[in-house]
């Protein structure tokens, strides 16, 4: 096979990879909807990308994330399901050895109104800062943690994740990401309310 055909094949594989990541997030969104969680905002899931010729290294996203709320059951909580794709230029302490599917939830102060129940998009990245391995083990941070800052606007969070290659179908997505995320919020109801 010629070098040109090999390159084209690789580019098509990259395009299919992103189509698969999008499908994973859509499937997770449907599973979250079954539990009454709604996505925040529009269908956008990428940030820190560029279409400019001068920032061509930013054409490929480093992560894709969807944020969710469930005001009836968890009025001051934001849940996030994300795919951490790459560690390019995110920060010196952010490291990935492989793409990861991450889930997290953030508890905001009780007085937070429904229209302000949001967290910054970068909060989808916590798993990449080395607090926990991507093996399903949950890790929590609250205001007593060294890395917590008042500017975060949340008072408690929990995160966990799995390597993307371990989330190969709907059953593994449900069993390893969506169901544990919902269960962690239920188990931490004392911190959630």
Protein backbone atom coordinates (compact mmCIF):
# COMPACT_ATOMS: atom_id res chain seq x y z
CA UNK A 1 0.00 0.00 0.00
CA UNK A 2 1.35 3.45 -0.86
CA UNK A 3 2.18 6.00 1.82
CA UNK A 4 -0.68 8.19 0.60
CA UNK A 5 -3.23 5.39 0.88
CA UNK A 6 -1.89 4.50 4.33
CA UNK A 7 -2.24 8.13 5.42
CA UNK A 8 -5.81 8.29 4.10
CA UNK A 9 -6.65 5.08 5.94
CA UNK A 10 -5.27 6.55 9.18
CA UNK A 11 -7.26 9.75 8.76
CA UNK A 12 -10.45 7.78 8.16
CA UNK A 13 -9.71 5.80 11.34
CA UNK A 14 -9.37 9.06 13.29
CA UNK A 15 -12.70 10.29 11.87
CA UNK A 16 -14.34 6.99 12.88
CA UNK A 17 -12.81 7.26 16.37
CA UNK A 18 -14.49 10.64 16.89
CA UNK A 19 -17.78 9.30 15.50
CA UNK A 20 -17.54 6.48 18.07
CA UNK A 21 -16.80 8.96 20.89
CA UNK A 22 -19.84 10.97 19.85
CA UNK A 23 -21.99 7.84 19.83
CA UNK A 24 -20.72 6.91 23.30
CA UNK A 25 -21.75 10.32 24.63
CA UNK A 26 -25.16 10.10 22.91
CA UNK A 27 -25.72 6.65 24.39
CA UNK A 28 -24.73 7.90 27.85
CA UNK A 29 -27.10 10.82 27.39
CA UNK A 30 -29.97 8.43 26.69
CA UNK A 31 -29.10 6.38 29.77
CA UNK A 32 -28.94 9.52 31.91
CA UNK A 33 -32.33 10.63 30.50
CA UNK A 34 -33.82 7.32 31.67
CA UNK A 35 -32.86 8.44 35.20
CA UNK A 36 -34.38 11.95 34.66
CA UNK A 37 -31.06 13.72 34.02
CA UNK A 38 -31.12 16.42 31.34
CA UNK A 39 -28.15 17.83 29.41
CA UNK A 40 -27.22 21.43 30.12
CA UNK A 41 -27.16 23.75 27.13
CA UNK A 42 -27.02 22.81 23.49
CA UNK A 43 -25.46 19.73 21.87
CA UNK A 44 -21.95 21.17 22.06
CA UNK A 45 -19.42 18.95 23.81
CA UNK A 46 -16.03 20.31 22.71
CA UNK A 47 -14.02 23.25 24.01
CA UNK A 48 -10.47 24.49 23.56
CA UNK A 49 -10.50 23.61 19.88
CA UNK A 50 -9.71 25.90 16.99
CA UNK A 51 -10.52 26.24 13.32
CA UNK A 52 -7.73 28.76 12.78
CA UNK A 53 -4.73 27.97 10.61
CA UNK A 54 -2.44 29.48 13.25
CA UNK A 55 -3.72 27.04 15.88
CA UNK A 56 -3.79 23.87 13.81
CA UNK A 57 -2.57 21.72 16.72
CA UNK A 58 -5.91 22.54 18.38
CA UNK A 59 -8.02 21.19 15.53
CA UNK A 60 -8.25 17.85 17.35
CA UNK A 61 -10.14 18.04 20.67
CA UNK A 62 -8.49 17.00 23.90
CA UNK A 63 -11.74 16.03 25.56
CA UNK A 64 -15.46 15.82 24.94
CA UNK A 65 -17.95 16.21 27.77
CA UNK A 66 -21.65 16.47 28.52
CA UNK A 67 -23.00 18.11 31.68
CA UNK A 68 -26.32 17.06 33.23
CA UNK A 69 -28.78 18.25 35.85
CA UNK A 70 -31.75 16.62 37.57
CA UNK A 71 -33.43 19.49 39.43
CA UNK A 72 -36.29 17.40 40.82
CA UNK A 73 -34.13 14.80 42.62
CA UNK A 74 -30.74 16.58 42.93
CA UNK A 75 -31.43 20.32 42.73
CA UNK A 76 -27.86 21.52 43.33
CA UNK A 77 -25.86 18.86 41.51
CA UNK A 78 -24.14 18.82 38.11
CA UNK A 79 -23.07 15.45 36.70
CA UNK A 80 -20.51 15.11 33.91
CA UNK A 81 -19.66 12.24 31.59
CA UNK A 82 -16.55 12.91 29.56
CA UNK A 83 -14.04 11.28 27.28
CA UNK A 84 -10.51 12.47 28.03
CA UNK A 85 -8.77 11.99 24.69
CA UNK A 86 -5.35 13.62 24.94
CA UNK A 87 -3.20 15.55 27.41
CA UNK A 88 -1.86 18.03 24.84
CA UNK A 89 -1.40 21.51 26.37
CA UNK A 90 -3.95 21.02 29.17
CA UNK A 91 -1.50 21.64 31.98
CA UNK A 92 1.81 20.42 33.33
CA UNK A 93 0.12 18.26 35.99
CA UNK A 94 -2.46 16.76 33.62
CA UNK A 95 -1.32 13.37 32.31
CA UNK A 96 -2.99 10.57 30.39
CA UNK A 97 -1.47 7.27 29.38
CA UNK A 98 -4.52 6.42 27.27
CA UNK A 99 -7.97 7.88 26.53
CA UNK A 100 -10.34 7.59 29.49
CA UNK A 101 -14.11 7.75 30.06
CA UNK A 102 -14.70 9.76 33.19
CA UNK A 103 -17.78 10.41 35.30
CA UNK A 104 -18.11 12.95 38.06
CA UNK A 105 -20.63 14.94 40.01
CA UNK A 106 -20.38 18.32 41.68
CA UNK A 107 -22.47 19.56 44.59
CA UNK A 108 -23.05 23.29 44.54
CA UNK A 109 -24.15 25.33 47.57
CA UNK A 110 -27.81 24.78 48.49
CA UNK A 111 -28.73 28.37 47.66
CA UNK A 112 -27.63 27.91 44.02
CA UNK A 113 -30.57 28.70 41.75
CA UNK A 114 -31.57 26.30 39.00
CA UNK A 115 -30.37 28.66 36.26
CA UNK A 116 -26.94 28.92 37.95
CA UNK A 117 -26.52 25.18 38.51
CA UNK A 118 -23.45 24.90 36.30
CA UNK A 119 -19.74 24.20 36.60
CA UNK A 120 -16.97 25.30 34.26
CA UNK A 121 -16.27 22.87 31.41
CA UNK A 122 -12.71 22.22 32.59
CA UNK A 123 -14.18 20.35 35.59
CA UNK A 124 -14.59 17.38 33.24
CA UNK A 125 -10.80 16.96 33.43
CA UNK A 126 -10.28 16.20 37.14
CA UNK A 127 -9.44 12.53 36.55
CA UNK A 128 -6.39 13.48 34.50
CA UNK A 129 -4.74 15.22 37.44
CA UNK A 130 -3.66 11.94 39.02
CA UNK A 131 -5.90 11.70 42.06
CA UNK A 132 -7.14 8.25 41.12
CA UNK A 133 -6.39 5.50 38.60
CA UNK A 134 -8.85 4.88 35.79
CA UNK A 135 -10.02 1.63 37.37
CA UNK A 136 -13.48 2.62 38.59
CA UNK A 137 -12.28 3.72 42.02
CA UNK A 138 -14.13 6.86 43.13
CA UNK A 139 -12.27 9.80 44.64
CA UNK A 140 -13.86 12.79 46.35
CA UNK A 141 -12.74 16.33 46.95
CA UNK A 142 -14.31 18.84 49.32
CA UNK A 143 -13.35 22.21 50.75
CA UNK A 144 -10.73 20.61 53.03
CA UNK A 145 -8.70 19.32 50.04
CA UNK A 146 -5.47 21.15 49.17
CA UNK A 147 -6.57 21.70 45.55
CA UNK A 148 -10.06 23.01 46.34
CA UNK A 149 -10.60 26.70 45.65
CA UNK A 150 -13.56 28.90 46.46
CA UNK A 151 -13.63 29.98 42.82
CA UNK A 152 -14.69 26.43 41.85
CA UNK A 153 -18.21 27.33 43.07
CA UNK A 154 -18.87 23.75 44.19
CA UNK A 155 -18.46 22.35 47.70
CA UNK A 156 -18.03 18.63 47.02
CA UNK A 157 -17.24 16.43 44.04
CA UNK A 158 -16.60 12.78 43.25
CA UNK A 159 -14.92 11.38 40.13
CA UNK A 160 -14.01 8.00 38.68
CA UNK A 161 -13.23 6.56 35.30
CA UNK A 162 -12.20 3.66 33.09
CA UNK A 163 -9.94 3.34 30.06
CA UNK A 164 -11.92 4.04 26.90
CA UNK A 165 -10.96 0.61 25.53
CA UNK A 166 -12.83 -0.98 28.49
CA UNK A 167 -16.09 0.73 27.47
CA UNK A 168 -16.74 -1.28 24.33
CA UNK A 169 -20.52 -1.50 24.28
CA UNK A 170 -23.73 -0.18 25.85
CA UNK A 171 -23.65 -2.76 28.63
CA UNK A 172 -20.17 -1.76 29.79
CA UNK A 173 -21.04 1.95 29.53
CA UNK A 174 -24.08 1.38 31.74
CA UNK A 175 -22.33 -0.96 34.20
CA UNK A 176 -19.05 0.95 34.54
CA UNK A 177 -20.06 4.59 34.08
CA UNK A 178 -23.75 5.51 34.22
CA UNK A 179 -25.04 3.18 36.96
CA UNK A 180 -22.07 3.81 39.32
CA UNK A 181 -22.39 7.58 38.78
CA UNK A 182 -26.09 7.53 39.73
CA UNK A 183 -25.38 5.21 42.68
CA UNK A 184 -22.60 7.45 43.99
CA UNK A 185 -24.95 10.42 43.99
CA UNK A 186 -27.60 8.42 45.84
CA UNK A 187 -25.02 7.11 48.35
CA UNK A 188 -23.77 10.64 48.98
CA UNK A 189 -27.23 12.14 49.40
CA UNK A 190 -26.12 13.67 52.73
CA UNK A 191 -23.60 15.78 50.81
CA UNK A 192 -25.95 16.37 47.90
CA UNK A 193 -28.75 18.00 49.88
